[in-house]
Amino acid sequence: PDVFTVSSVFINDMSKPAKVALWIIILSAIIGILLLLLLIYGLIRAGFFKRSKKEELENLKAAVSVIFISF
């Protein structure tokens, strides 16, 4: 019949993990912040944060108020 025997060997290595140098952590944080600022700058330059619909609504309200004031 279809019978399989599977065995696993677990090696319990409880040694301390290698420490990461402090300069690597600091450099990584600085590079991450610079990349985030670069991304935000690119989005601002592309007009991602511009609220064009709000400006259109304010212009429309101003035009309507001018019409009502003139009557």
C-alpha atoms as a PDB file:
ATOM      1  CA  PRO A   1       0.000   0.000   0.000  1.00  0.00           C
ATOM      2  CA  ASP A   2       0.917   3.695  -0.046  1.00  0.00           C
ATOM      3  CA  VAL A   3       2.743   4.094   3.232  1.00  0.00           C
ATOM      4  CA  PHE A   4       5.462   6.638   3.816  1.00  0.00           C
ATOM      5  CA  THR A   5       7.690   7.192   6.771  1.00  0.00           C
ATOM      6  CA  VAL A   6       8.820  10.752   7.361  1.00  0.00           C
ATOM      7  CA  SER A   7      11.279  11.767   9.992  1.00  0.00           C
ATOM      8  CA  SER A   8      12.469  15.240  10.967  1.00  0.00           C
ATOM      9  CA  VAL A   9      15.576  16.211  12.837  1.00  0.00           C
ATOM     10  CA  PHE A  10      15.421  19.495  14.742  1.00  0.00           C
ATOM     11  CA  ILE A  11      18.670  21.059  15.750  1.00  0.00           C
ATOM     12  CA  ASN A  12      18.175  23.249  18.777  1.00  0.00           C
ATOM     13  CA  ASP A  13      20.746  25.988  18.273  1.00  0.00           C
ATOM     14  CA  MET A  14      20.071  28.521  21.014  1.00  0.00           C
ATOM     15  CA  SER A  15      23.163  30.602  20.391  1.00  0.00           C
ATOM     16  CA  LYS A  16      22.773  34.364  20.558  1.00  0.00           C
ATOM     17  CA  PRO A  17      21.989  36.041  17.258  1.00  0.00           C
ATOM     18  CA  ALA A  18      24.656  38.238  15.742  1.00  0.00           C
ATOM     19  CA  LYS A  19      24.425  41.880  16.743  1.00  0.00           C
ATOM     20  CA  VAL A  20      23.933  44.560  14.124  1.00  0.00           C
ATOM     21  CA  ALA A  21      26.333  47.467  14.290  1.00  0.00           C
ATOM     22  CA  LEU A  22      24.834  50.753  15.484  1.00  0.00           C
ATOM     23  CA  TRP A  23      26.085  52.647  12.429  1.00  0.00           C
ATOM     24  CA  ILE A  24      24.105  50.322  10.143  1.00  0.00           C
ATOM     25  CA  ILE A  25      20.892  51.055  12.041  1.00  0.00           C
ATOM     26  CA  ILE A  26      21.491  54.820  12.006  1.00  0.00           C
ATOM     27  CA  LEU A  27      22.447  54.850   8.315  1.00  0.00           C
ATOM     28  CA  SER A  28      19.378  52.774   7.422  1.00  0.00           C
ATOM     29  CA  ALA A  29      17.092  55.158   9.321  1.00  0.00           C
ATOM     30  CA  ILE A  30      18.624  58.211   7.616  1.00  0.00           C
ATOM     31  CA  ILE A  31      18.331  56.643   4.159  1.00  0.00           C
ATOM     32  CA  GLY A  32      14.721  55.652   4.881  1.00  0.00           C
ATOM     33  CA  ILE A  33      13.814  59.195   5.933  1.00  0.00           C
ATOM     34  CA  LEU A  34      15.525  60.640   2.837  1.00  0.00           C
ATOM     35  CA  LEU A  35      13.631  58.241   0.568  1.00  0.00           C
ATOM     36  CA  LEU A  36      10.354  59.186   2.248  1.00  0.00           C
ATOM     37  CA  LEU A  37      11.095  62.898   1.782  1.00  0.00           C
ATOM     38  CA  LEU A  38      12.002  62.277  -1.863  1.00  0.00           C
ATOM     39  CA  LEU A  39       8.722  60.433  -2.415  1.00  0.00           C
ATOM     40  CA  ILE A  40       6.707  63.222  -0.770  1.00  0.00           C
ATOM     41  CA  TYR A  41       8.550  65.850  -2.841  1.00  0.00           C
ATOM     42  CA  GLY A  42       7.758  63.933  -6.030  1.00  0.00           C
ATOM     43  CA  LEU A  43       4.085  63.665  -5.110  1.00  0.00           C
ATOM     44  CA  ILE A  44       3.917  67.394  -4.369  1.00  0.00           C
ATOM     45  CA  ARG A  45       5.582  68.213  -7.711  1.00  0.00           C
ATOM     46  CA  ALA A  46       3.090  65.928  -9.490  1.00  0.00           C
ATOM     47  CA  GLY A  47       0.157  67.766  -7.877  1.00  0.00           C
ATOM     48  CA  PHE A  48      -1.032  64.792  -5.869  1.00  0.00           C
ATOM     49  CA  PHE A  49      -1.974  66.868  -2.816  1.00  0.00           C
ATOM     50  CA  LYS A  50      -3.684  69.674  -4.756  1.00  0.00           C
ATOM     51  CA  ARG A  51      -7.408  69.911  -4.125  1.00  0.00           C
ATOM     52  CA  SER A  52      -8.681  71.039  -7.509  1.00  0.00           C
ATOM     53  CA  LYS A  53     -12.323  70.132  -6.823  1.00  0.00           C
ATOM     54  CA  LYS A  54     -12.384  72.386  -3.770  1.00  0.00           C
ATOM     55  CA  GLU A  55     -11.027  75.289  -5.822  1.00  0.00           C
ATOM     56  CA  GLU A  56     -13.642  74.662  -8.514  1.00  0.00           C
ATOM     57  CA  LEU A  57     -16.393  74.646  -5.880  1.00  0.00           C
ATOM     58  CA  GLU A  58     -15.158  77.905  -4.344  1.00  0.00           C
ATOM     59  CA  ASN A  59     -15.008  79.534  -7.793  1.00  0.00           C
ATOM     60  CA  LEU A  60     -18.543  78.350  -8.526  1.00  0.00           C
ATOM     61  CA  LYS A  61     -19.811  79.677  -5.186  1.00  0.00           C
ATOM     62  CA  ALA A  62     -18.147  83.023  -5.875  1.00  0.00           C
ATOM     63  CA  ALA A  63     -19.735  83.196  -9.329  1.00  0.00           C
ATOM     64  CA  VAL A  64     -23.180  82.347  -7.942  1.00  0.00           C
ATOM     65  CA  SER A  65     -22.890  84.918  -5.165  1.00  0.00           C
ATOM     66  CA  VAL A  66     -21.943  87.592  -7.735  1.00  0.00           C
ATOM     67  CA  ILE A  67     -25.057  86.725  -9.741  1.00  0.00           C
ATOM     68  CA  PHE A  68     -27.323  86.989  -6.670  1.00  0.00           C
ATOM     69  CA  ILE A  69     -25.692  90.218  -5.508  1.00  0.00           C
ATOM     70  CA  SER A  70     -26.190  91.853  -8.903  1.00  0.00           C
ATOM     71  CA  PHE A  71     -29.985  91.298  -8.786  1.00  0.00           C
END
